[in-house]
PDB file of N, CA and C in Angstrom:
ATOM      1  N   UNK A   1     -79.328-110.871  93.487  1.00  0.00           N
ATOM      2  CA  UNK A   1     -78.868-110.718  94.864  1.00  0.00           C
ATOM      3  C   UNK A   1     -78.621-109.242  95.131  1.00  0.00           C
ATOM      4  N   UNK A   2     -78.725-108.872  96.374  1.00  0.00           N
ATOM      5  CA  UNK A   2     -78.543-107.486  96.791  1.00  0.00           C
ATOM      6  C   UNK A   2     -77.125-106.999  96.509  1.00  0.00           C
ATOM      7  N   UNK A   3     -77.016-105.752  96.050  1.00  0.00           N
ATOM      8  CA  UNK A   3     -75.700-105.178  95.782  1.00  0.00           C
ATOM      9  C   UNK A   3     -74.974-104.902  97.093  1.00  0.00           C
ATOM     10  N   UNK A   4     -73.716-104.513  96.980  1.00  0.00           N
ATOM     11  CA  UNK A   4     -72.884-104.307  98.164  1.00  0.00           C
ATOM     12  C   UNK A   4     -72.383-102.860  98.178  1.00  0.00           C
ATOM     13  N   UNK A   5     -72.340-102.252  99.347  1.00  0.00           N
ATOM     14  CA  UNK A   5     -71.836-100.887  99.475  1.00  0.00           C
ATOM     15  C   UNK A   5     -70.311-100.927  99.583  1.00  0.00           C
ATOM     16  N   UNK A   6     -69.690 -99.782  99.351  1.00  0.00           N
ATOM     17  CA  UNK A   6     -68.231 -99.732  99.459  1.00  0.00           C
ATOM     18  C   UNK A   6     -67.782 -99.958 100.905  1.00  0.00           C
ATOM     19  N   UNK A   7     -68.582 -99.555 101.870  1.00  0.00           N
ATOM     20  CA  UNK A   7     -68.242 -99.801 103.277  1.00  0.00           C
ATOM     21  C   UNK A   7     -68.218-101.292 103.573  1.00  0.00           C
ATOM     22  N   UNK A   8     -69.222-102.015 103.051  1.00  0.00           N
ATOM     23  CA  UNK A   8     -69.248-103.468 103.227  1.00  0.00           C
ATOM     24  C   UNK A   8     -68.059-104.125 102.536  1.00  0.00           C
ATOM     25  N   UNK A   9     -67.728-103.649 101.333  1.00  0.00           N
ATOM     26  CA  UNK A   9     -66.584-104.195 100.600  1.00  0.00           C
ATOM     27  C   UNK A   9     -65.297-103.956 101.384  1.00  0.00           C
ATOM     28  N   UNK A  10     -65.129-102.770 101.910  1.00  0.00           N
ATOM     29  CA  UNK A  10     -63.927-102.443 102.689  1.00  0.00           C
ATOM     30  C   UNK A  10     -63.784-103.416 103.863  1.00  0.00           C
ATOM     31  N   UNK A  11     -64.885-103.694 104.556  1.00  0.00           N
ATOM     32  CA  UNK A  11     -64.862-104.645 105.667  1.00  0.00           C
ATOM     33  C   UNK A  11     -64.450-106.032 105.197  1.00  0.00           C
ATOM     34  N   UNK A  12     -64.986-106.448 104.038  1.00  0.00           N
ATOM     35  CA  UNK A  12     -64.655-107.774 103.497  1.00  0.00           C
ATOM     36  C   UNK A  12     -63.172-107.862 103.173  1.00  0.00           C
ATOM     37  N   UNK A  13     -62.625-106.829 102.545  1.00  0.00           N
ATOM     38  CA  UNK A  13     -61.202-106.828 102.181  1.00  0.00           C
ATOM     39  C   UNK A  13     -60.340-106.850 103.440  1.00  0.00           C
ATOM     40  N   UNK A  14     -60.692-106.019 104.413  1.00  0.00           N
ATOM     41  CA  UNK A  14     -59.901-105.918 105.637  1.00  0.00           C
ATOM     42  C   UNK A  14     -59.987-107.172 106.499  1.00  0.00           C
ATOM     43  N   UNK A  15     -61.061-107.943 106.351  1.00  0.00           N
ATOM     44  CA  UNK A  15     -61.211-109.163 107.148  1.00  0.00           C
ATOM     45  C   UNK A  15     -60.173-110.221 106.769  1.00  0.00           C
ATOM     46  N   UNK A  16     -59.674-110.139 105.520  1.00  0.00           N
ATOM     47  CA  UNK A  16     -58.683-111.096 105.055  1.00  0.00           C
ATOM     48  C   UNK A  16     -59.271-112.426 104.620  1.00  0.00           C
ATOM     49  N   UNK A  17     -60.575-112.597 104.786  1.00  0.00           N
ATOM     50  CA  UNK A  17     -61.211-113.848 104.356  1.00  0.00           C
ATOM     51  C   UNK A  17     -61.367-113.822 102.842  1.00  0.00           C
ATOM     52  N   UNK A  18     -61.026-114.922 102.172  1.00  0.00           N
ATOM     53  CA  UNK A  18     -61.127-114.941 100.709  1.00  0.00           C
ATOM     54  C   UNK A  18     -62.573-114.864 100.221  1.00  0.00           C
ATOM     55  N   UNK A  19     -62.747-114.203  99.093  1.00  0.00           N
ATOM     56  CA  UNK A  19     -64.048-114.152  98.431  1.00  0.00           C
ATOM     57  C   UNK A  19     -63.809-113.958  96.950  1.00  0.00           C
ATOM     58  N   UNK A  20     -64.820-114.249  96.142  1.00  0.00           N
ATOM     59  CA  UNK A  20     -64.698-114.152  94.683  1.00  0.00           C
ATOM     60  C   UNK A  20     -64.966-112.704  94.289  1.00  0.00           C
ATOM     61  N   UNK A  21     -63.941-112.050  93.735  1.00  0.00           N
ATOM     62  CA  UNK A  21     -63.954-110.610  93.494  1.00  0.00           C
ATOM     63  C   UNK A  21     -63.435-110.368  92.078  1.00  0.00           C
ATOM     64  N   UNK A  22     -64.261-109.735  91.248  1.00  0.00           N
ATOM     65  CA  UNK A  22     -63.906-109.494  89.846  1.00  0.00           C
ATOM     66  C   UNK A  22     -63.975-108.008  89.531  1.00  0.00           C
ATOM     67  N   UNK A  23     -62.928-107.511  88.887  1.00  0.00           N
ATOM     68  CA  UNK A  23     -62.845-106.127  88.418  1.00  0.00           C
ATOM     69  C   UNK A  23     -63.081-106.167  86.909  1.00  0.00           C
ATOM     70  N   UNK A  24     -64.151-105.517  86.437  1.00  0.00           N
ATOM     71  CA  UNK A  24     -64.492-105.579  85.007  1.00  0.00           C
ATOM     72  C   UNK A  24     -64.005-104.362  84.223  1.00  0.00           C
ATOM     73  N   UNK A  25     -63.083-103.600  84.809  1.00  0.00           N
ATOM     74  CA  UNK A  25     -62.496-102.480  84.073  1.00  0.00           C
ATOM     75  C   UNK A  25     -61.473-102.992  83.074  1.00  0.00           C
ATOM     76  N   UNK A  26     -61.032-102.105  82.189  1.00  0.00           N
ATOM     77  CA  UNK A  26     -59.996-102.461  81.215  1.00  0.00           C
ATOM     78  C   UNK A  26     -58.675-102.692  81.937  1.00  0.00           C
ATOM     79  N   UNK A  27     -57.797-103.439  81.298  1.00  0.00           N
ATOM     80  CA  UNK A  27     -56.523-103.813  81.910  1.00  0.00           C
ATOM     81  C   UNK A  27     -55.717-102.596  82.358  1.00  0.00           C
ATOM     82  N   UNK A  28     -55.676-101.533  81.545  1.00  0.00           N
ATOM     83  CA  UNK A  28     -54.892-100.347  81.916  1.00  0.00           C
ATOM     84  C   UNK A  28     -55.483 -99.659  83.150  1.00  0.00           C
ATOM     85  N   UNK A  29     -56.798 -99.697  83.311  1.00  0.00           N
ATOM     86  CA  UNK A  29     -57.425 -99.108  84.501  1.00  0.00           C
ATOM     87  C   UNK A  29     -57.067 -99.930  85.735  1.00  0.00           C
ATOM     88  N   UNK A  30     -57.086-101.238  85.557  1.00  0.00           N
ATOM     89  CA  UNK A  30     -56.765-102.161  86.642  1.00  0.00           C
ATOM     90  C   UNK A  30     -55.320-101.980  87.098  1.00  0.00           C
ATOM     91  N   UNK A  31     -54.401-101.877  86.138  1.00  0.00           N
ATOM     92  CA  UNK A  31     -52.991-101.716  86.476  1.00  0.00           C
ATOM     93  C   UNK A  31     -52.734-100.408  87.218  1.00  0.00           C
ATOM     94  N   UNK A  32     -53.516 -99.388  86.870  1.00  0.00           N
ATOM     95  CA  UNK A  32     -53.365 -98.065  87.475  1.00  0.00           C
ATOM     96  C   UNK A  32     -53.828 -98.059  88.932  1.00  0.00           C
ATOM     97  N   UNK A  33     -54.873 -98.822  89.228  1.00  0.00           N
ATOM     98  CA  UNK A  33     -55.475 -98.771  90.555  1.00  0.00           C
ATOM     99  C   UNK A  33     -56.341-100.005  90.742  1.00  0.00           C
ATOM    100  N   UNK A  34     -55.892-100.946  91.590  1.00  0.00           N
ATOM    101  CA  UNK A  34     -56.711-102.137  91.798  1.00  0.00           C
ATOM    102  C   UNK A  34     -56.839-102.476  93.270  1.00  0.00           C
ATOM    103  N   UNK A  35     -57.882-103.224  93.575  1.00  0.00           N
ATOM    104  CA  UNK A  35     -58.184-103.610  94.954  1.00  0.00           C
ATOM    105  C   UNK A  35     -57.862-105.078  95.230  1.00  0.00           C
ATOM    106  N   UNK A  36     -57.184-105.721  94.271  1.00  0.00           N
ATOM    107  CA  UNK A  36     -56.833-107.122  94.453  1.00  0.00           C
ATOM    108  C   UNK A  36     -57.818-108.096  93.830  1.00  0.00           C
ATOM    109  N   UNK A  37     -58.757-107.596  93.066  1.00  0.00           N
ATOM    110  CA  UNK A  37     -59.725-108.463  92.385  1.00  0.00           C
ATOM    111  C   UNK A  37     -59.085-109.104  91.158  1.00  0.00           C
ATOM    112  N   UNK A  38     -59.720-110.147  90.643  1.00  0.00           N
ATOM    113  CA  UNK A  38     -59.312-110.721  89.365  1.00  0.00           C
ATOM    114  C   UNK A  38     -59.805-109.793  88.267  1.00  0.00           C
ATOM    115  N   UNK A  39     -58.951-109.471  87.325  1.00  0.00           N
ATOM    116  CA  UNK A  39     -59.332-108.559  86.248  1.00  0.00           C
ATOM    117  C   UNK A  39     -59.862-109.330  85.044  1.00  0.00           C
ATOM    118  N   UNK A  40     -61.155-109.137  84.764  1.00  0.00           N
ATOM    119  CA  UNK A  40     -61.784-109.670  83.556  1.00  0.00           C
ATOM    120  C   UNK A  40     -62.575-108.517  82.949  1.00  0.00           C
ATOM    121  N   UNK A  41     -61.995-107.793  81.977  1.00  0.00           N
ATOM    122  CA  UNK A  41     -62.722-106.667  81.382  1.00  0.00           C
ATOM    123  C   UNK A  41     -64.107-107.091  80.885  1.00  0.00           C
ATOM    124  N   UNK A  42     -65.068-106.209  81.032  1.00  0.00           N
ATOM    125  CA  UNK A  42     -66.452-106.508  80.675  1.00  0.00           C
ATOM    126  C   UNK A  42     -66.577-107.103  79.280  1.00  0.00           C
ATOM    127  N   UNK A  43     -65.860-106.555  78.301  1.00  0.00           N
ATOM    128  CA  UNK A  43     -65.931-107.050  76.931  1.00  0.00           C
ATOM    129  C   UNK A  43     -65.412-108.468  76.763  1.00  0.00           C
ATOM    130  N   UNK A  44     -64.596-108.930  77.709  1.00  0.00           N
ATOM    131  CA  UNK A  44     -64.033-110.282  77.642  1.00  0.00           C
ATOM    132  C   UNK A  44     -64.804-111.284  78.499  1.00  0.00           C
ATOM    133  N   UNK A  45     -65.762-110.794  79.267  1.00  0.00           N
ATOM    134  CA  UNK A  45     -66.490-111.665  80.185  1.00  0.00           C
ATOM    135  C   UNK A  45     -67.153-112.861  79.490  1.00  0.00           C
ATOM    136  N   UNK A  46     -67.824-112.670  78.347  1.00  0.00           N
ATOM    137  CA  UNK A  46     -68.437-113.843  77.694  1.00  0.00           C
ATOM    138  C   UNK A  46     -67.429-114.939  77.347  1.00  0.00           C
ATOM    139  N   UNK A  47     -66.231-114.563  76.934  1.00  0.00           N
ATOM    140  CA  UNK A  47     -65.211-115.546  76.574  1.00  0.00           C
ATOM    141  C   UNK A  47     -64.567-116.193  77.802  1.00  0.00           C
ATOM    142  N   UNK A  48     -64.688-115.554  78.955  1.00  0.00           N
ATOM    143  CA  UNK A  48     -64.046-116.046  80.179  1.00  0.00           C
ATOM    144  C   UNK A  48     -65.003-116.824  81.090  1.00  0.00           C
ATOM    145  N   UNK A  49     -66.234-117.016  80.661  1.00  0.00           N
ATOM    146  CA  UNK A  49     -67.231-117.672  81.512  1.00  0.00           C
ATOM    147  C   UNK A  49     -66.809-119.050  81.998  1.00  0.00           C
ATOM    148  N   UNK A  50     -66.084-119.789  81.184  1.00  0.00           N
ATOM    149  CA  UNK A  50     -65.709-121.146  81.588  1.00  0.00           C
ATOM    150  C   UNK A  50     -64.845-121.149  82.848  1.00  0.00           C
ATOM    151  N   UNK A  51     -64.044-120.107  83.044  1.00  0.00           N
ATOM    152  CA  UNK A  51     -63.212-120.083  84.255  1.00  0.00           C
ATOM    153  C   UNK A  51     -64.035-119.741  85.498  1.00  0.00           C
ATOM    154  N   UNK A  52     -65.295-119.340  85.314  1.00  0.00           N
ATOM    155  CA  UNK A  52     -66.170-119.010  86.443  1.00  0.00           C
ATOM    156  C   UNK A  52     -67.235-120.080  86.686  1.00  0.00           C
ATOM    157  N   UNK A  53     -67.261-121.109  85.862  1.00  0.00           N
ATOM    158  CA  UNK A  53     -68.313-122.125  85.939  1.00  0.00           C
ATOM    159  C   UNK A  53     -68.548-122.689  87.336  1.00  0.00           C
ATOM    160  N   UNK A  54     -67.511-122.930  88.073  1.00  0.00           N
ATOM    161  CA  UNK A  54     -67.655-123.508  89.406  1.00  0.00           C
ATOM    162  C   UNK A  54     -68.232-122.555  90.433  1.00  0.00           C
ATOM    163  N   UNK A  55     -68.475-121.311  90.038  1.00  0.00           N
ATOM    164  CA  UNK A  55     -68.947-120.288  90.980  1.00  0.00           C
ATOM    165  C   UNK A  55     -70.424-119.950  90.817  1.00  0.00           C
ATOM    166  N   UNK A  56     -71.161-120.730  90.036  1.00  0.00           N
ATOM    167  CA  UNK A  56     -72.554-120.382  89.709  1.00  0.00           C
ATOM    168  C   UNK A  56     -73.425-120.149  90.932  1.00  0.00           C
ATOM    169  N   UNK A  57     -73.183-120.870  92.022  1.00  0.00           N
ATOM    170  CA  UNK A  57     -74.002-120.714  93.222  1.00  0.00           C
ATOM    171  C   UNK A  57     -73.222-120.138  94.393  1.00  0.00           C
ATOM    172  N   UNK A  58     -72.100-119.502  94.080  1.00  0.00           N
ATOM    173  CA  UNK A  58     -71.300-118.858  95.118  1.00  0.00           C
ATOM    174  C   UNK A  58     -71.355-117.338  94.938  1.00  0.00           C
ATOM    175  N   UNK A  59     -71.134-116.622  96.019  1.00  0.00           N
ATOM    176  CA  UNK A  59     -71.145-115.162  95.941  1.00  0.00           C
ATOM    177  C   UNK A  59     -69.971-114.679  95.087  1.00  0.00           C
ATOM    178  N   UNK A  60     -70.286-113.787  94.157  1.00  0.00           N
ATOM    179  CA  UNK A  60     -69.279-113.121  93.332  1.00  0.00           C
ATOM    180  C   UNK A  60     -69.526-111.629  93.468  1.00  0.00           C
ATOM    181  N   UNK A  61     -68.490-110.881  93.811  1.00  0.00           N
ATOM    182  CA  UNK A  61     -68.599-109.424  93.911  1.00  0.00           C
ATOM    183  C   UNK A  61     -67.893-108.834  92.697  1.00  0.00           C
ATOM    184  N   UNK A  62     -68.596-107.979  91.947  1.00  0.00           N
ATOM    185  CA  UNK A  62     -68.016-107.352  90.757  1.00  0.00           C
ATOM    186  C   UNK A  62     -67.936-105.845  90.962  1.00  0.00           C
ATOM    187  N   UNK A  63     -66.859-105.248  90.457  1.00  0.00           N
ATOM    188  CA  UNK A  63     -66.735-103.792  90.556  1.00  0.00           C
ATOM    189  C   UNK A  63     -66.066-103.224  89.315  1.00  0.00           C
ATOM    190  N   UNK A  64     -66.230-101.912  89.169  1.00  0.00           N
ATOM    191  CA  UNK A  64     -65.614-101.177  88.064  1.00  0.00           C
ATOM    192  C   UNK A  64     -65.301 -99.769  88.577  1.00  0.00           C
ATOM    193  N   UNK A  65     -65.222 -98.824  87.688  1.00  0.00           N
ATOM    194  CA  UNK A  65     -64.897 -97.456  88.085  1.00  0.00           C
ATOM    195  C   UNK A  65     -66.029 -96.802  88.876  1.00  0.00           C
ATOM    196  N   UNK A  66     -67.265 -96.890  88.345  1.00  0.00           N
ATOM    197  CA  UNK A  66     -68.381 -96.175  88.983  1.00  0.00           C
ATOM    198  C   UNK A  66     -69.574 -97.055  89.344  1.00  0.00           C
ATOM    199  N   UNK A  67     -69.561 -98.299  88.923  1.00  0.00           N
ATOM    200  CA  UNK A  67     -70.674 -99.202  89.199  1.00  0.00           C
ATOM    201  C   UNK A  67     -71.529 -99.516  87.983  1.00  0.00           C
ATOM    202  N   UNK A  68     -71.320 -98.806  86.871  1.00  0.00           N
ATOM    203  CA  UNK A  68     -72.139 -99.024  85.671  1.00  0.00           C
ATOM    204  C   UNK A  68     -71.751-100.309  84.945  1.00  0.00           C
ATOM    205  N   UNK A  69     -70.478-100.467  84.624  1.00  0.00           N
ATOM    206  CA  UNK A  69     -70.037-101.679  83.918  1.00  0.00           C
ATOM    207  C   UNK A  69     -70.247-102.922  84.779  1.00  0.00           C
ATOM    208  N   UNK A  70     -69.987-102.788  86.075  1.00  0.00           N
ATOM    209  CA  UNK A  70     -70.179-103.949  86.947  1.00  0.00           C
ATOM    210  C   UNK A  70     -71.664-104.280  87.082  1.00  0.00           C
ATOM    211  N   UNK A  71     -72.528-103.279  86.974  1.00  0.00           N
ATOM    212  CA  UNK A  71     -73.968-103.541  86.948  1.00  0.00           C
ATOM    213  C   UNK A  71     -74.337-104.354  85.715  1.00  0.00           C
ATOM    214  N   UNK A  72     -73.739-104.009  84.579  1.00  0.00           N
ATOM    215  CA  UNK A  72     -73.954-104.778  83.347  1.00  0.00           C
ATOM    216  C   UNK A  72     -73.399-106.190  83.486  1.00  0.00           C
ATOM    217  N   UNK A  73     -72.240-106.310  84.111  1.00  0.00           N
ATOM    218  CA  UNK A  73     -71.636-107.633  84.326  1.00  0.00           C
ATOM    219  C   UNK A  73     -72.539-108.482  85.212  1.00  0.00           C
ATOM    220  N   UNK A  74     -73.099-107.874  86.249  1.00  0.00           N
ATOM    221  CA  UNK A  74     -74.016-108.601  87.137  1.00  0.00           C
ATOM    222  C   UNK A  74     -75.199-109.133  86.344  1.00  0.00           C
ATOM    223  N   UNK A  75     -75.816-108.285  85.538  1.00  0.00           N
ATOM    224  CA  UNK A  75     -76.967-108.708  84.732  1.00  0.00           C
ATOM    225  C   UNK A  75     -76.576-109.836  83.780  1.00  0.00           C
ATOM    226  N   UNK A  76     -75.425-109.717  83.140  1.00  0.00           N
ATOM    227  CA  UNK A  76     -74.964-110.745  82.217  1.00  0.00           C
ATOM    228  C   UNK A  76     -74.759-112.072  82.941  1.00  0.00           C
ATOM    229  N   UNK A  77     -74.053-112.034  84.069  1.00  0.00           N
ATOM    230  CA  UNK A  77     -73.787-113.264  84.805  1.00  0.00           C
ATOM    231  C   UNK A  77     -75.078-113.909  85.298  1.00  0.00           C
ATOM    232  N   UNK A  78     -76.013-113.085  85.764  1.00  0.00           N
ATOM    233  CA  UNK A  78     -77.295-113.630  86.205  1.00  0.00           C
ATOM    234  C   UNK A  78     -78.029-114.291  85.042  1.00  0.00           C
ATOM    235  N   UNK A  79     -77.922-113.714  83.854  1.00  0.00           N
ATOM    236  CA  UNK A  79     -78.580-114.299  82.678  1.00  0.00           C
ATOM    237  C   UNK A  79     -77.957-115.634  82.291  1.00  0.00           C
ATOM    238  N   UNK A  80     -76.735-115.889  82.762  1.00  0.00           N
ATOM    239  CA  UNK A  80     -76.032-117.139  82.481  1.00  0.00           C
ATOM    240  C   UNK A  80     -76.141-118.137  83.633  1.00  0.00           C
ATOM    241  N   UNK A  81     -77.006-117.846  84.596  1.00  0.00           N
ATOM    242  CA  UNK A  81     -77.262-118.795  85.670  1.00  0.00           C
ATOM    243  C   UNK A  81     -76.514-118.579  86.970  1.00  0.00           C
ATOM    244  N   UNK A  82     -75.757-117.497  87.079  1.00  0.00           N
ATOM    245  CA  UNK A  82     -75.070-117.190  88.337  1.00  0.00           C
ATOM    246  C   UNK A  82     -76.094-116.587  89.295  1.00  0.00           C
ATOM    247  N   UNK A  83     -76.169-117.132  90.496  1.00  0.00           N
ATOM    248  CA  UNK A  83     -77.276-116.791  91.395  1.00  0.00           C
ATOM    249  C   UNK A  83     -76.936-115.797  92.505  1.00  0.00           C
ATOM    250  N   UNK A  84     -75.653-115.549  92.749  1.00  0.00           N
ATOM    251  CA  UNK A  84     -75.280-114.708  93.897  1.00  0.00           C
ATOM    252  C   UNK A  84     -74.271-113.634  93.505  1.00  0.00           C
ATOM    253  N   UNK A  85     -74.616-112.835  92.497  1.00  0.00           N
ATOM    254  CA  UNK A  85     -73.715-111.785  92.019  1.00  0.00           C
ATOM    255  C   UNK A  85     -74.092-110.471  92.689  1.00  0.00           C
ATOM    256  N   UNK A  86     -73.074-109.767  93.190  1.00  0.00           N
ATOM    257  CA  UNK A  86     -73.296-108.484  93.856  1.00  0.00           C
ATOM    258  C   UNK A  86     -72.435-107.414  93.190  1.00  0.00           C
ATOM    259  N   UNK A  87     -73.048-106.283  92.900  1.00  0.00           N
ATOM    260  CA  UNK A  87     -72.368-105.145  92.285  1.00  0.00           C
ATOM    261  C   UNK A  87     -71.928-104.189  93.389  1.00  0.00           C
ATOM    262  N   UNK A  88     -70.719-103.644  93.273  1.00  0.00           N
ATOM    263  CA  UNK A  88     -70.236-102.639  94.226  1.00  0.00           C
ATOM    264  C   UNK A  88     -70.817-101.286  93.814  1.00  0.00           C
ATOM    265  N   UNK A  89     -71.697-100.765  94.633  1.00  0.00           N
ATOM    266  CA  UNK A  89     -72.359 -99.495  94.335  1.00  0.00           C
ATOM    267  C   UNK A  89     -71.356 -98.344  94.387  1.00  0.00           C
ATOM    268  N   UNK A  90     -71.243 -97.608  93.288  1.00  0.00           N
ATOM    269  CA  UNK A  90     -70.322 -96.480  93.225  1.00  0.00           C
ATOM    270  C   UNK A  90     -68.927 -96.832  92.748  1.00  0.00           C
ATOM    271  N   UNK A  91     -68.632 -98.132  92.672  1.00  0.00           N
ATOM    272  CA  UNK A  91     -67.354 -98.585  92.144  1.00  0.00           C
ATOM    273  C   UNK A  91     -66.144 -98.110  92.916  1.00  0.00           C
ATOM    274  N   UNK A  92     -65.007 -98.154  92.227  1.00  0.00           N
ATOM    275  CA  UNK A  92     -63.740 -97.815  92.874  1.00  0.00           C
ATOM    276  C   UNK A  92     -63.684 -96.328  93.253  1.00  0.00           C
ATOM    277  N   UNK A  93     -64.413 -95.481  92.527  1.00  0.00           N
ATOM    278  CA  UNK A  93     -64.440 -94.054  92.883  1.00  0.00           C
ATOM    279  C   UNK A  93     -65.022 -93.870  94.277  1.00  0.00           C
ATOM    280  N   UNK A  94     -66.122 -94.526  94.561  1.00  0.00           N
ATOM    281  CA  UNK A  94     -66.741 -94.427  95.888  1.00  0.00           C
ATOM    282  C   UNK A  94     -65.863 -95.090  96.940  1.00  0.00           C
ATOM    283  N   UNK A  95     -65.234 -96.203  96.578  1.00  0.00           N
ATOM    284  CA  UNK A  95     -64.355 -96.897  97.504  1.00  0.00           C
ATOM    285  C   UNK A  95     -63.191 -96.001  97.901  1.00  0.00           C
ATOM    286  N   UNK A  96     -62.572 -95.374  96.921  1.00  0.00           N
ATOM    287  CA  UNK A  96     -61.425 -94.510  97.202  1.00  0.00           C
ATOM    288  C   UNK A  96     -61.826 -93.279  98.028  1.00  0.00           C
ATOM    289  N   UNK A  97     -63.053 -92.813  97.881  1.00  0.00           N
ATOM    290  CA  UNK A  97     -63.491 -91.650  98.671  1.00  0.00           C
ATOM    291  C   UNK A  97     -63.614 -91.998 100.149  1.00  0.00           C
ATOM    292  N   UNK A  98     -63.752 -93.276 100.481  1.00  0.00           N
ATOM    293  CA  UNK A  98     -63.762 -93.709 101.890  1.00  0.00           C
ATOM    294  C   UNK A  98     -62.417 -93.443 102.551  1.00  0.00           C
ATOM    295  N   UNK A  99     -61.359 -93.577 101.772  1.00  0.00           N
ATOM    296  CA  UNK A  99     -60.010 -93.437 102.320  1.00  0.00           C
ATOM    297  C   UNK A  99     -59.589 -91.983 102.518  1.00  0.00           C
ATOM    298  N   UNK A 100     -60.338 -91.087 101.901  1.00  0.00           N
ATOM    299  CA  UNK A 100     -59.945 -89.672 101.994  1.00  0.00           C
ATOM    300  C   UNK A 100     -60.386 -89.034 103.281  1.00  0.00           C
TER     301      UNK A 100
END
């Protein structure tokens, strides 16, 4: 599925409508700065797949610091049968630059 820009993500967050949002950064990064996503560090994603089973055909937006780890998470989830995974291009760094 097509990735998502930080501008699109900002609109989604501001709309207040719920969506499936996963932050694949490490716990300490998440605690330091988060956008309200569920935190599942990339290294723990394989062990946490069962909690995502019901989302295989639903949109899932994944993000990280710069978009690299979330790109890997997207590829992994797609390889496990998830059909609507979107990576946040530029990650939280690009998102935060919108606010400046």
